[in-house]
Amino acid sequence: MFHSATRGHTLNGLLLVALFATAAQQLASSAWLLPLGLSPLIIGIVLGTAYGNTLHQHIPQEWHAGIHFSARKILRLAIILYGFSITLQEIESIGLPGLLMAITVVATIIISGFLIGTRLLKMDPQTALLTSAGSGVCGAAAILAVEPVVKAKSHQTAVAVATVVVFGTLAMFLYPFLNSLNLFSLSDFGKGLYFGGTLHEVAQVVGASSVLSETAQEYAVIEKMTRVLMIVPVILVTGWFVVRQATPQNNQPKVPFVKTIPWFAVGFLGIAAFNSLQLLPVYWVETIHQIDTFLLTMAMVALGMETQLNKMKQVGSKAFVLAGILFMMLLFGGYLLAKTLTL
C-alpha cells in the first residue's frame, strides 16, 4: 500500500511537470514568441523557475520525487533520443572544413571559457563549464547533457541557460543585421559554416539563416548539427576531467574511470549511428523527435522548479560576463575561422 501511494505521488509530480512542458511548447509556437526563436526548453526552465520560486510551497512534498525524476532520469533518456536529430551523412556533406569548424569552435570556446571563468572571473567550475558548453556546443541541450556529469546544482544550470537566452537571442537578430550591411564577405558555404558554427541554439540558427540563400541555410543547419554531435566527446572528456580532479574521501581509492562513463552519451552516439542507417520511416523519426523535445522540456521545467533565485544571484553576473566574452569570440573569431576554412 505504501509503495502504491509513493508511486502515485511520483506520478502526480510527473504530471505537474508535463503540464508545464505542454504550456512551454504552446508558448514557443505562439505567434508572438515564434519570431524570437526561443525553444520550448528555454521557456520551460523560465516557467519552472517562476513556479518554483513563487508557488513551490503549494507543491506537496511527496510530489518532489516526480520532479526529481524528470530532472534526472527523463533527462538522460531525452539526451539519448536526441541522437535521432542527426545523421552521419549530414556531417559528411559539409566535408573536412565543416568538421574542422565544429571541432575548433567547440574546443576553443569550452577550454577558453573554463580557464577565463575559473581563473580570471573566479567562478565555480560547474557554472564555468556549463556556460562554456552552452556557448560552444548547442545551447540549452548541451547544458542539460553536461549537467549530470559535473554534478551541477539546479541554480548553476539555470544561470547557464539564462546566458544562452540573452546572447543567443542577441546573435539571432545581430547576424542578419550585419549580413544586410554586406559585412560578411563569405560564400554561401562560408556563411553556412559561420552561422551554424557560432550561433547557440538550433532554433536560432534556423531563424538567423533564414535571410540567407537556401543553400547557405542547409549548410548552416548541417554545421549546427555537427556541433551537436560534439556533445559526445565533450561529455566523455568532461567526465574524465572531473574524475581526475576528484579528491578521494576518507582514504578511499578513486573510482575507476570506466565506472564513471556517462553511458547516456554513448547511447546518444549509438542512436545517431542507427539513425544514419535510415531504417525507420521519416514520419517515425519526426515523431520521436517531437517526443524527445517534450522530454527535454520536461527536464528543463523540473530543473527550474528546483532552482532558487537567491542562489542564481550569487553566480549570475560572472556567468553573463563570461558568456559575453565567449559571444565576442564566436562573433569575430568564428568569422575569421569560417573565412580561412573556405578560401
C-alpha atoms as a PDB file:
ATOM      1  CA  MET A   1       0.000   0.000   0.000  1.00  0.00           C
ATOM      2  CA  PHE A   2       2.863   2.340   0.879  1.00  0.00           C
ATOM      3  CA  HIS A   3       4.625   1.678  -2.387  1.00  0.00           C
ATOM      4  CA  SER A   4       1.433   2.251  -4.329  1.00  0.00           C
ATOM      5  CA  ALA A   5       0.923   5.608  -2.608  1.00  0.00           C
ATOM      6  CA  THR A   6       4.530   6.575  -3.268  1.00  0.00           C
ATOM      7  CA  ARG A   7       4.176   5.773  -6.970  1.00  0.00           C
ATOM      8  CA  GLY A   8       1.001   7.822  -7.057  1.00  0.00           C
ATOM      9  CA  HIS A   9       2.720  10.879  -5.570  1.00  0.00           C
ATOM     10  CA  THR A  10       5.628  10.477  -8.002  1.00  0.00           C
ATOM     11  CA  LEU A  11       3.177  10.274 -10.897  1.00  0.00           C
ATOM     12  CA  ASN A  12       1.481  13.464  -9.691  1.00  0.00           C
ATOM     13  CA  GLY A  13       4.846  15.222  -9.755  1.00  0.00           C
ATOM     14  CA  LEU A  14       5.495  13.942 -13.278  1.00  0.00           C
ATOM     15  CA  LEU A  15       2.068  15.113 -14.436  1.00  0.00           C
ATOM     16  CA  LEU A  16       2.695  18.559 -12.968  1.00  0.00           C
ATOM     17  CA  VAL A  17       5.986  18.824 -14.859  1.00  0.00           C
ATOM     18  CA  ALA A  18       4.321  17.523 -18.050  1.00  0.00           C
ATOM     19  CA  LEU A  19       1.602  20.168 -17.731  1.00  0.00           C
ATOM     20  CA  PHE A  20       4.190  22.932 -17.598  1.00  0.00           C
ATOM     21  CA  ALA A  21       6.108  21.359 -20.502  1.00  0.00           C
ATOM     22  CA  THR A  22       2.926  21.394 -22.585  1.00  0.00           C
ATOM     23  CA  ALA A  23       2.414  25.067 -21.770  1.00  0.00           C
ATOM     24  CA  ALA A  24       6.031  25.800 -22.753  1.00  0.00           C
ATOM     25  CA  GLN A  25       5.576  24.135 -26.127  1.00  0.00           C
ATOM     26  CA  GLN A  26       2.372  26.052 -26.775  1.00  0.00           C
ATOM     27  CA  LEU A  27       4.051  29.336 -25.888  1.00  0.00           C
ATOM     28  CA  ALA A  28       7.101  28.575 -28.064  1.00  0.00           C
ATOM     29  CA  SER A  29       4.846  28.080 -31.098  1.00  0.00           C
ATOM     30  CA  SER A  30       2.650  31.106 -30.369  1.00  0.00           C
ATOM     31  CA  ALA A  31       2.578  33.952 -32.872  1.00  0.00           C
ATOM     32  CA  TRP A  32       4.204  36.454 -30.518  1.00  0.00           C
ATOM     33  CA  LEU A  33       7.105  34.264 -29.357  1.00  0.00           C
ATOM     34  CA  LEU A  34       7.810  32.245 -32.513  1.00  0.00           C
ATOM     35  CA  PRO A  35       9.778  35.095 -34.201  1.00  0.00           C
ATOM     36  CA  LEU A  36      12.193  35.167 -31.243  1.00  0.00           C
ATOM     37  CA  GLY A  37      13.308  31.608 -31.933  1.00  0.00           C
ATOM     38  CA  LEU A  38      13.012  30.608 -28.287  1.00  0.00           C
ATOM     39  CA  SER A  39      12.922  26.833 -27.939  1.00  0.00           C
ATOM     40  CA  PRO A  40      10.414  25.140 -25.603  1.00  0.00           C
ATOM     41  CA  LEU A  41      13.421  24.144 -23.453  1.00  0.00           C
ATOM     42  CA  ILE A  42      14.222  27.741 -22.618  1.00  0.00           C
ATOM     43  CA  ILE A  43      10.609  28.701 -21.999  1.00  0.00           C
ATOM     44  CA  GLY A  44      10.242  25.569 -19.878  1.00  0.00           C
ATOM     45  CA  ILE A  45      13.012  26.495 -17.449  1.00  0.00           C
ATOM     46  CA  VAL A  46      11.616  30.027 -17.186  1.00  0.00           C
ATOM     47  CA  LEU A  47       8.152  28.709 -16.311  1.00  0.00           C
ATOM     48  CA  GLY A  48       9.580  26.147 -13.906  1.00  0.00           C
ATOM     49  CA  THR A  49      11.759  28.714 -12.141  1.00  0.00           C
ATOM     50  CA  ALA A  50       8.867  31.168 -11.861  1.00  0.00           C
ATOM     51  CA  TYR A  51       6.642  28.497 -10.329  1.00  0.00           C
ATOM     52  CA  GLY A  52       9.356  27.083  -8.112  1.00  0.00           C
ATOM     53  CA  ASN A  53      10.080  30.483  -6.586  1.00  0.00           C
ATOM     54  CA  THR A  54       6.501  31.611  -6.054  1.00  0.00           C
ATOM     55  CA  LEU A  55       4.134  28.703  -5.534  1.00  0.00           C
ATOM     56  CA  HIS A  56       6.533  25.898  -4.634  1.00  0.00           C
ATOM     57  CA  GLN A  57       5.180  25.806  -1.085  1.00  0.00           C
ATOM     58  CA  HIS A  58       1.877  24.633  -2.525  1.00  0.00           C
ATOM     59  CA  ILE A  59       3.521  21.558  -4.081  1.00  0.00           C
ATOM     60  CA  PRO A  60       3.081  18.539  -1.779  1.00  0.00           C
ATOM     61  CA  GLN A  61       6.499  17.389  -0.596  1.00  0.00           C
ATOM     62  CA  GLU A  62       5.746  13.885  -1.853  1.00  0.00           C
ATOM     63  CA  TRP A  63       5.444  15.205  -5.424  1.00  0.00           C
ATOM     64  CA  HIS A  64       9.090  16.284  -5.438  1.00  0.00           C
ATOM     65  CA  ALA A  65      10.099  12.718  -6.289  1.00  0.00           C
ATOM     66  CA  GLY A  66       8.408  13.123  -9.670  1.00  0.00           C
ATOM     67  CA  ILE A  67      10.095  16.475 -10.232  1.00  0.00           C
ATOM     68  CA  HIS A  68      13.482  14.981  -9.327  1.00  0.00           C
ATOM     69  CA  PHE A  69      12.816  12.010 -11.644  1.00  0.00           C
ATOM     70  CA  SER A  70      12.112  14.415 -14.520  1.00  0.00           C
ATOM     71  CA  ALA A  71      15.295  16.386 -13.902  1.00  0.00           C
ATOM     72  CA  ARG A  72      17.499  13.269 -13.760  1.00  0.00           C
ATOM     73  CA  LYS A  73      16.110  10.083 -15.347  1.00  0.00           C
ATOM     74  CA  ILE A  74      13.957  11.657 -18.050  1.00  0.00           C
ATOM     75  CA  LEU A  75      16.834  13.996 -18.862  1.00  0.00           C
ATOM     76  CA  ARG A  76      19.171  11.099 -19.641  1.00  0.00           C
ATOM     77  CA  LEU A  77      16.550   9.356 -21.800  1.00  0.00           C
ATOM     78  CA  ALA A  78      15.948  12.596 -23.700  1.00  0.00           C
ATOM     79  CA  ILE A  79      19.666  13.070 -24.418  1.00  0.00           C
ATOM     80  CA  ILE A  80      19.852   9.516 -25.806  1.00  0.00           C
ATOM     81  CA  LEU A  81      16.843  10.100 -28.081  1.00  0.00           C
ATOM     82  CA  TYR A  82      18.408  13.397 -29.206  1.00  0.00           C
ATOM     83  CA  GLY A  83      20.561  11.193 -31.450  1.00  0.00           C
ATOM     84  CA  PHE A  84      17.603  10.972 -33.835  1.00  0.00           C
ATOM     85  CA  SER A  85      18.237  14.632 -34.703  1.00  0.00           C
ATOM     86  CA  ILE A  86      21.355  13.894 -36.720  1.00  0.00           C
ATOM     87  CA  THR A  87      22.833  11.511 -39.267  1.00  0.00           C
ATOM     88  CA  LEU A  88      26.461  10.872 -40.143  1.00  0.00           C
ATOM     89  CA  GLN A  89      25.610  11.500 -43.808  1.00  0.00           C
ATOM     90  CA  GLU A  90      24.771  15.112 -42.965  1.00  0.00           C
ATOM     91  CA  ILE A  91      28.174  15.616 -41.409  1.00  0.00           C
ATOM     92  CA  GLU A  92      29.846  14.058 -44.439  1.00  0.00           C
ATOM     93  CA  SER A  93      28.088  16.528 -46.738  1.00  0.00           C
ATOM     94  CA  ILE A  94      29.966  19.533 -45.317  1.00  0.00           C
ATOM     95  CA  GLY A  95      33.315  17.799 -45.569  1.00  0.00           C
ATOM     96  CA  LEU A  96      36.525  18.466 -43.700  1.00  0.00           C
ATOM     97  CA  PRO A  97      36.059  22.285 -43.455  1.00  0.00           C
ATOM     98  CA  GLY A  98      32.724  21.838 -41.676  1.00  0.00           C
ATOM     99  CA  LEU A  99      34.128  19.246 -39.291  1.00  0.00           C
ATOM    100  CA  LEU A 100      37.184  21.378 -38.508  1.00  0.00           C
ATOM    101  CA  MET A 101      34.923  24.373 -37.909  1.00  0.00           C
ATOM    102  CA  ALA A 102      32.819  22.436 -35.406  1.00  0.00           C
ATOM    103  CA  ILE A 103      35.767  20.880 -33.573  1.00  0.00           C
ATOM    104  CA  THR A 104      37.716  24.145 -33.371  1.00  0.00           C
ATOM    105  CA  VAL A 105      34.764  26.197 -32.140  1.00  0.00           C
ATOM    106  CA  VAL A 106      33.699  23.668 -29.511  1.00  0.00           C
ATOM    107  CA  ALA A 107      37.216  23.014 -28.186  1.00  0.00           C
ATOM    108  CA  THR A 108      38.272  26.673 -28.162  1.00  0.00           C
ATOM    109  CA  ILE A 109      35.124  28.010 -26.512  1.00  0.00           C
ATOM    110  CA  ILE A 110      34.927  25.337 -23.808  1.00  0.00           C
ATOM    111  CA  ILE A 111      38.624  25.394 -22.886  1.00  0.00           C
ATOM    112  CA  SER A 112      38.855  29.192 -23.023  1.00  0.00           C
ATOM    113  CA  GLY A 113      35.574  29.592 -21.163  1.00  0.00           C
ATOM    114  CA  PHE A 114      36.635  27.263 -18.367  1.00  0.00           C
ATOM    115  CA  LEU A 115      40.013  28.969 -17.921  1.00  0.00           C
ATOM    116  CA  ILE A 116      38.608  32.505 -18.098  1.00  0.00           C
ATOM    117  CA  GLY A 117      35.736  31.606 -15.813  1.00  0.00           C
ATOM    118  CA  THR A 118      37.694  29.813 -13.099  1.00  0.00           C
ATOM    119  CA  ARG A 119      40.973  31.754 -13.158  1.00  0.00           C
ATOM    120  CA  LEU A 120      40.067  35.263 -14.252  1.00  0.00           C
ATOM    121  CA  LEU A 121      36.473  35.591 -13.022  1.00  0.00           C
ATOM    122  CA  LYS A 122      36.915  33.206 -10.039  1.00  0.00           C
ATOM    123  CA  MET A 123      33.750  31.282 -10.900  1.00  0.00           C
ATOM    124  CA  ASP A 124      32.933  27.820  -9.621  1.00  0.00           C
ATOM    125  CA  PRO A 125      33.999  25.116 -12.132  1.00  0.00           C
ATOM    126  CA  GLN A 126      30.462  23.804 -12.679  1.00  0.00           C
ATOM    127  CA  THR A 127      28.972  27.129 -13.771  1.00  0.00           C
ATOM    128  CA  ALA A 128      32.008  27.937 -15.910  1.00  0.00           C
ATOM    129  CA  LEU A 129      31.772  24.580 -17.707  1.00  0.00           C
ATOM    130  CA  LEU A 130      28.008  24.749 -18.203  1.00  0.00           C
ATOM    131  CA  THR A 131      28.155  28.304 -19.548  1.00  0.00           C
ATOM    132  CA  SER A 132      31.001  27.389 -21.898  1.00  0.00           C
ATOM    133  CA  ALA A 133      29.223  24.252 -23.124  1.00  0.00           C
ATOM    134  CA  GLY A 134      26.068  26.242 -23.816  1.00  0.00           C
ATOM    135  CA  SER A 135      28.013  28.755 -25.909  1.00  0.00           C
ATOM    136  CA  GLY A 136      30.324  26.255 -27.570  1.00  0.00           C
ATOM    137  CA  VAL A 137      28.083  23.320 -28.437  1.00  0.00           C
ATOM    138  CA  CYS A 138      24.318  23.759 -28.760  1.00  0.00           C
ATOM    139  CA  GLY A 139      22.816  25.961 -26.099  1.00  0.00           C
ATOM    140  CA  ALA A 140      20.371  24.550 -23.559  1.00  0.00           C
ATOM    141  CA  ALA A 141      20.617  20.957 -24.816  1.00  0.00           C
ATOM    142  CA  ALA A 142      24.386  20.916 -24.244  1.00  0.00           C
ATOM    143  CA  ILE A 143      23.962  22.391 -20.772  1.00  0.00           C
ATOM    144  CA  LEU A 144      21.461  19.650 -19.954  1.00  0.00           C
ATOM    145  CA  ALA A 145      23.839  16.992 -21.269  1.00  0.00           C
ATOM    146  CA  VAL A 146      26.838  18.208 -19.274  1.00  0.00           C
ATOM    147  CA  GLU A 147      24.893  18.935 -16.063  1.00  0.00           C
ATOM    148  CA  PRO A 148      24.778  15.317 -14.765  1.00  0.00           C
ATOM    149  CA  VAL A 149      28.492  14.805 -15.481  1.00  0.00           C
ATOM    150  CA  VAL A 150      29.695  17.809 -13.495  1.00  0.00           C
ATOM    151  CA  LYS A 151      27.014  17.210 -10.832  1.00  0.00           C
ATOM    152  CA  ALA A 152      25.865  20.817 -11.069  1.00  0.00           C
ATOM    153  CA  LYS A 153      23.174  22.291  -8.854  1.00  0.00           C
ATOM    154  CA  SER A 154      19.908  23.485 -10.353  1.00  0.00           C
ATOM    155  CA  HIS A 155      20.693  27.180  -9.901  1.00  0.00           C
ATOM    156  CA  GLN A 156      24.013  26.751 -11.742  1.00  0.00           C
ATOM    157  CA  THR A 157      22.207  25.113 -14.650  1.00  0.00           C
ATOM    158  CA  ALA A 158      19.553  27.830 -14.694  1.00  0.00           C
ATOM    159  CA  VAL A 159      22.149  30.613 -14.836  1.00  0.00           C
ATOM    160  CA  ALA A 160      23.962  28.931 -17.726  1.00  0.00           C
ATOM    161  CA  VAL A 161      20.682  28.570 -19.630  1.00  0.00           C
ATOM    162  CA  ALA A 162      19.907  32.237 -18.987  1.00  0.00           C
ATOM    163  CA  THR A 163      23.150  33.245 -20.733  1.00  0.00           C
ATOM    164  CA  VAL A 164      22.078  31.249 -23.788  1.00  0.00           C
ATOM    165  CA  VAL A 165      18.747  33.060 -23.820  1.00  0.00           C
ATOM    166  CA  VAL A 166      20.342  36.510 -23.730  1.00  0.00           C
ATOM    167  CA  PHE A 167      23.303  36.118 -26.071  1.00  0.00           C
ATOM    168  CA  GLY A 168      21.686  33.533 -28.339  1.00  0.00           C
ATOM    169  CA  THR A 169      18.708  35.809 -28.934  1.00  0.00           C
ATOM    170  CA  LEU A 170      21.025  38.799 -29.453  1.00  0.00           C
ATOM    171  CA  ALA A 171      23.012  36.843 -32.045  1.00  0.00           C
ATOM    172  CA  MET A 172      19.876  35.730 -33.861  1.00  0.00           C
ATOM    173  CA  PHE A 173      18.998  39.346 -34.617  1.00  0.00           C
ATOM    174  CA  LEU A 174      22.544  40.716 -34.931  1.00  0.00           C
ATOM    175  CA  TYR A 175      23.778  38.271 -37.585  1.00  0.00           C
ATOM    176  CA  PRO A 176      21.010  39.035 -40.125  1.00  0.00           C
ATOM    177  CA  PHE A 177      21.515  42.771 -39.498  1.00  0.00           C
ATOM    178  CA  LEU A 178      25.261  42.548 -40.141  1.00  0.00           C
ATOM    179  CA  ASN A 179      24.578  40.421 -43.209  1.00  0.00           C
ATOM    180  CA  SER A 180      22.203  43.083 -44.556  1.00  0.00           C
ATOM    181  CA  LEU A 181      25.105  45.554 -44.343  1.00  0.00           C
ATOM    182  CA  ASN A 182      27.168  43.212 -46.545  1.00  0.00           C
ATOM    183  CA  LEU A 183      29.806  42.824 -43.831  1.00  0.00           C
ATOM    184  CA  PHE A 184      30.199  39.093 -44.387  1.00  0.00           C
ATOM    185  CA  SER A 185      32.436  38.546 -47.430  1.00  0.00           C
ATOM    186  CA  LEU A 186      31.797  34.815 -47.479  1.00  0.00           C
ATOM    187  CA  SER A 187      30.443  32.309 -49.977  1.00  0.00           C
ATOM    188  CA  ASP A 188      27.171  30.522 -49.314  1.00  0.00           C
ATOM    189  CA  PHE A 189      29.185  27.644 -47.875  1.00  0.00           C
ATOM    190  CA  GLY A 190      31.182  30.044 -45.708  1.00  0.00           C
ATOM    191  CA  LYS A 191      28.078  31.788 -44.392  1.00  0.00           C
ATOM    192  CA  GLY A 192      26.539  28.427 -43.623  1.00  0.00           C
ATOM    193  CA  LEU A 193      29.597  27.390 -41.617  1.00  0.00           C
ATOM    194  CA  TYR A 194      29.700  30.753 -39.851  1.00  0.00           C
ATOM    195  CA  PHE A 195      26.040  30.868 -38.839  1.00  0.00           C
ATOM    196  CA  GLY A 196      25.833  27.184 -37.917  1.00  0.00           C
ATOM    197  CA  GLY A 197      29.237  27.154 -36.274  1.00  0.00           C
ATOM    198  CA  THR A 198      28.753  30.110 -33.946  1.00  0.00           C
ATOM    199  CA  LEU A 199      25.063  30.568 -33.061  1.00  0.00           C
ATOM    200  CA  HIS A 200      23.878  28.953 -29.826  1.00  0.00           C
ATOM    201  CA  GLU A 201      20.573  27.102 -30.348  1.00  0.00           C
ATOM    202  CA  VAL A 202      19.385  25.079 -33.339  1.00  0.00           C
ATOM    203  CA  ALA A 203      16.240  27.214 -33.492  1.00  0.00           C
ATOM    204  CA  GLN A 204      18.376  30.373 -33.509  1.00  0.00           C
ATOM    205  CA  VAL A 205      20.424  29.038 -36.418  1.00  0.00           C
ATOM    206  CA  VAL A 206      17.247  28.348 -38.376  1.00  0.00           C
ATOM    207  CA  GLY A 207      15.867  31.803 -37.594  1.00  0.00           C
ATOM    208  CA  ALA A 208      19.030  33.772 -38.334  1.00  0.00           C
ATOM    209  CA  SER A 209      19.962  31.874 -41.506  1.00  0.00           C
ATOM    210  CA  SER A 210      16.501  32.426 -42.992  1.00  0.00           C
ATOM    211  CA  VAL A 211      17.880  35.629 -44.567  1.00  0.00           C
ATOM    212  CA  LEU A 212      20.479  33.606 -46.483  1.00  0.00           C
ATOM    213  CA  SER A 213      20.114  31.582 -49.663  1.00  0.00           C
ATOM    214  CA  GLU A 214      18.540  28.141 -49.420  1.00  0.00           C
ATOM    215  CA  THR A 215      21.941  26.535 -49.980  1.00  0.00           C
ATOM    216  CA  ALA A 216      23.509  28.547 -47.166  1.00  0.00           C
ATOM    217  CA  GLN A 217      20.580  27.704 -44.876  1.00  0.00           C
ATOM    218  CA  GLU A 218      21.121  23.987 -45.458  1.00  0.00           C
ATOM    219  CA  TYR A 219      24.829  24.287 -44.735  1.00  0.00           C
ATOM    220  CA  ALA A 220      24.094  26.287 -41.572  1.00  0.00           C
ATOM    221  CA  VAL A 221      21.738  23.665 -40.144  1.00  0.00           C
ATOM    222  CA  ILE A 222      24.081  20.789 -41.009  1.00  0.00           C
ATOM    223  CA  GLU A 223      27.036  22.600 -39.461  1.00  0.00           C
ATOM    224  CA  LYS A 224      24.968  23.199 -36.345  1.00  0.00           C
ATOM    225  CA  MET A 225      24.048  19.530 -36.098  1.00  0.00           C
ATOM    226  CA  THR A 226      27.729  18.652 -36.465  1.00  0.00           C
ATOM    227  CA  ARG A 227      28.362  20.749 -33.375  1.00  0.00           C
ATOM    228  CA  VAL A 228      25.521  18.884 -31.678  1.00  0.00           C
ATOM    229  CA  LEU A 229      27.380  15.625 -32.262  1.00  0.00           C
ATOM    230  CA  MET A 230      30.311  17.138 -30.381  1.00  0.00           C
ATOM    231  CA  ILE A 231      28.229  16.610 -27.232  1.00  0.00           C
ATOM    232  CA  VAL A 232      29.622  13.081 -27.022  1.00  0.00           C
ATOM    233  CA  PRO A 233      33.363  13.888 -26.828  1.00  0.00           C
ATOM    234  CA  VAL A 234      32.595  16.895 -24.625  1.00  0.00           C
ATOM    235  CA  ILE A 235      30.742  14.726 -22.107  1.00  0.00           C
ATOM    236  CA  LEU A 236      33.395  11.990 -22.149  1.00  0.00           C
ATOM    237  CA  VAL A 237      36.323  14.404 -21.777  1.00  0.00           C
ATOM    238  CA  THR A 238      34.484  16.373 -19.104  1.00  0.00           C
ATOM    239  CA  GLY A 239      33.749  13.150 -17.227  1.00  0.00           C
ATOM    240  CA  TRP A 240      37.418  12.162 -17.412  1.00  0.00           C
ATOM    241  CA  PHE A 241      38.448  15.622 -16.203  1.00  0.00           C
ATOM    242  CA  VAL A 242      36.018  15.527 -13.277  1.00  0.00           C
ATOM    243  CA  VAL A 243      37.335  12.113 -12.225  1.00  0.00           C
ATOM    244  CA  ARG A 244      40.934  13.339 -12.432  1.00  0.00           C
ATOM    245  CA  GLN A 245      40.121  16.379 -10.294  1.00  0.00           C
ATOM    246  CA  ALA A 246      38.139  14.430  -7.696  1.00  0.00           C
ATOM    247  CA  THR A 247      39.764  14.046  -4.294  1.00  0.00           C
ATOM    248  CA  PRO A 248      39.228  10.641  -2.632  1.00  0.00           C
ATOM    249  CA  GLN A 249      37.342  10.889   0.648  1.00  0.00           C
ATOM    250  CA  ASN A 250      38.396   9.049   3.828  1.00  0.00           C
ATOM    251  CA  ASN A 251      41.395   7.458   2.087  1.00  0.00           C
ATOM    252  CA  GLN A 252      39.110   5.644  -0.335  1.00  0.00           C
ATOM    253  CA  PRO A 253      40.606   4.866  -3.773  1.00  0.00           C
ATOM    254  CA  LYS A 254      39.398   6.779  -6.774  1.00  0.00           C
ATOM    255  CA  VAL A 255      36.547   5.210  -8.694  1.00  0.00           C
ATOM    256  CA  PRO A 256      37.816   3.667 -11.980  1.00  0.00           C
ATOM    257  CA  PHE A 257      37.001   5.884 -14.932  1.00  0.00           C
ATOM    258  CA  VAL A 258      35.102   3.113 -16.716  1.00  0.00           C
ATOM    259  CA  LYS A 259      32.559   3.179 -13.888  1.00  0.00           C
ATOM    260  CA  THR A 260      32.054   6.917 -14.290  1.00  0.00           C
ATOM    261  CA  ILE A 261      31.448   6.876 -18.053  1.00  0.00           C
ATOM    262  CA  PRO A 262      28.181   8.719 -18.796  1.00  0.00           C
ATOM    263  CA  TRP A 263      26.560   5.899 -20.734  1.00  0.00           C
ATOM    264  CA  PHE A 264      23.729   8.122 -21.903  1.00  0.00           C
ATOM    265  CA  ALA A 265      26.315   9.884 -24.104  1.00  0.00           C
ATOM    266  CA  VAL A 266      27.294   6.530 -25.601  1.00  0.00           C
ATOM    267  CA  GLY A 267      23.588   5.858 -26.108  1.00  0.00           C
ATOM    268  CA  PHE A 268      23.244   9.188 -27.926  1.00  0.00           C
ATOM    269  CA  LEU A 269      26.064   8.236 -30.293  1.00  0.00           C
ATOM    270  CA  GLY A 270      24.557   4.779 -30.854  1.00  0.00           C
ATOM    271  CA  ILE A 271      21.173   6.272 -31.729  1.00  0.00           C
ATOM    272  CA  ALA A 272      22.832   8.753 -34.121  1.00  0.00           C
ATOM    273  CA  ALA A 273      24.629   5.854 -35.822  1.00  0.00           C
ATOM    274  CA  PHE A 274      21.370   3.873 -36.032  1.00  0.00           C
ATOM    275  CA  ASN A 275      19.547   6.901 -37.418  1.00  0.00           C
ATOM    276  CA  SER A 276      22.234   7.174 -40.097  1.00  0.00           C
ATOM    277  CA  LEU A 277      21.172   3.764 -41.424  1.00  0.00           C
ATOM    278  CA  GLN A 278      17.771   5.322 -42.234  1.00  0.00           C
ATOM    279  CA  LEU A 279      15.906   2.143 -41.326  1.00  0.00           C
ATOM    280  CA  LEU A 280      12.924   3.954 -39.814  1.00  0.00           C
ATOM    281  CA  PRO A 281      10.328   5.853 -41.863  1.00  0.00           C
ATOM    282  CA  VAL A 282      10.776   9.620 -41.818  1.00  0.00           C
ATOM    283  CA  TYR A 283       7.432  10.017 -40.050  1.00  0.00           C
ATOM    284  CA  TRP A 284       8.603   7.826 -37.159  1.00  0.00           C
ATOM    285  CA  VAL A 285      11.815   9.789 -36.786  1.00  0.00           C
ATOM    286  CA  GLU A 286       9.921  13.085 -36.784  1.00  0.00           C
ATOM    287  CA  THR A 287       7.516  11.723 -34.165  1.00  0.00           C
ATOM    288  CA  ILE A 288      10.392  10.553 -31.960  1.00  0.00           C
ATOM    289  CA  HIS A 289      11.988  13.972 -32.318  1.00  0.00           C
ATOM    290  CA  GLN A 290       8.776  15.652 -31.168  1.00  0.00           C
ATOM    291  CA  ILE A 291       8.551  13.299 -28.182  1.00  0.00           C
ATOM    292  CA  ASP A 292      12.188  13.977 -27.369  1.00  0.00           C
ATOM    293  CA  THR A 293      11.670  17.724 -27.456  1.00  0.00           C
ATOM    294  CA  PHE A 294       8.834  17.291 -24.982  1.00  0.00           C
ATOM    295  CA  LEU A 295      11.011  15.142 -22.681  1.00  0.00           C
ATOM    296  CA  LEU A 296      13.820  17.710 -22.806  1.00  0.00           C
ATOM    297  CA  THR A 297      11.301  20.423 -21.988  1.00  0.00           C
ATOM    298  CA  MET A 298      10.086  18.390 -19.007  1.00  0.00           C
ATOM    299  CA  ALA A 299      13.663  18.132 -17.754  1.00  0.00           C
ATOM    300  CA  MET A 300      14.081  21.890 -18.098  1.00  0.00           C
ATOM    301  CA  VAL A 301      10.832  22.585 -16.249  1.00  0.00           C
ATOM    302  CA  ALA A 302      11.914  20.275 -13.422  1.00  0.00           C
ATOM    303  CA  LEU A 303      15.322  21.931 -13.143  1.00  0.00           C
ATOM    304  CA  GLY A 304      13.582  25.289 -12.978  1.00  0.00           C
ATOM    305  CA  MET A 305      11.312  24.087 -10.182  1.00  0.00           C
ATOM    306  CA  GLU A 306      14.397  23.054  -8.204  1.00  0.00           C
ATOM    307  CA  THR A 307      16.121  26.400  -8.751  1.00  0.00           C
ATOM    308  CA  GLN A 308      16.272  29.121  -6.116  1.00  0.00           C
ATOM    309  CA  LEU A 309      16.679  32.645  -7.483  1.00  0.00           C
ATOM    310  CA  ASN A 310      18.686  33.835  -4.486  1.00  0.00           C
ATOM    311  CA  LYS A 311      21.345  31.238  -5.352  1.00  0.00           C
ATOM    312  CA  MET A 312      21.284  32.300  -9.003  1.00  0.00           C
ATOM    313  CA  LYS A 313      22.165  35.850  -7.972  1.00  0.00           C
ATOM    314  CA  GLN A 314      25.362  34.630  -6.343  1.00  0.00           C
ATOM    315  CA  VAL A 315      26.816  33.364  -9.631  1.00  0.00           C
ATOM    316  CA  GLY A 316      24.708  35.209 -12.198  1.00  0.00           C
ATOM    317  CA  SER A 317      26.741  38.320 -13.008  1.00  0.00           C
ATOM    318  CA  LYS A 318      30.017  36.478 -13.567  1.00  0.00           C
ATOM    319  CA  ALA A 319      28.306  33.917 -15.801  1.00  0.00           C
ATOM    320  CA  PHE A 320      26.962  36.706 -18.007  1.00  0.00           C
ATOM    321  CA  VAL A 321      30.390  38.350 -18.197  1.00  0.00           C
ATOM    322  CA  LEU A 322      31.874  35.026 -19.285  1.00  0.00           C
ATOM    323  CA  ALA A 323      29.087  34.408 -21.797  1.00  0.00           C
ATOM    324  CA  GLY A 324      29.635  37.917 -23.199  1.00  0.00           C
ATOM    325  CA  ILE A 325      33.334  37.232 -23.726  1.00  0.00           C
ATOM    326  CA  LEU A 326      32.562  33.938 -25.430  1.00  0.00           C
ATOM    327  CA  PHE A 327      29.939  35.653 -27.589  1.00  0.00           C
ATOM    328  CA  MET A 328      32.565  38.097 -28.888  1.00  0.00           C
ATOM    329  CA  MET A 329      34.942  35.207 -29.562  1.00  0.00           C
ATOM    330  CA  LEU A 330      32.242  33.448 -31.577  1.00  0.00           C
ATOM    331  CA  LEU A 331      31.258  36.596 -33.462  1.00  0.00           C
ATOM    332  CA  PHE A 332      34.740  37.687 -34.549  1.00  0.00           C
ATOM    333  CA  GLY A 333      36.865  34.555 -34.180  1.00  0.00           C
ATOM    334  CA  GLY A 334      34.198  32.395 -35.785  1.00  0.00           C
ATOM    335  CA  TYR A 335      34.061  34.706 -38.818  1.00  0.00           C
ATOM    336  CA  LEU A 336      37.842  34.587 -39.310  1.00  0.00           C
ATOM    337  CA  LEU A 337      37.797  30.796 -38.944  1.00  0.00           C
ATOM    338  CA  ALA A 338      34.967  30.359 -41.488  1.00  0.00           C
ATOM    339  CA  LYS A 339      36.731  32.667 -43.933  1.00  0.00           C
ATOM    340  CA  THR A 340      40.028  30.781 -43.532  1.00  0.00           C
ATOM    341  CA  LEU A 341      38.447  27.349 -43.988  1.00  0.00           C
ATOM    342  CA  THR A 342      36.557  28.364 -47.141  1.00  0.00           C
ATOM    343  CA  LEU A 343      39.309  30.222 -49.011  1.00  0.00           C
END
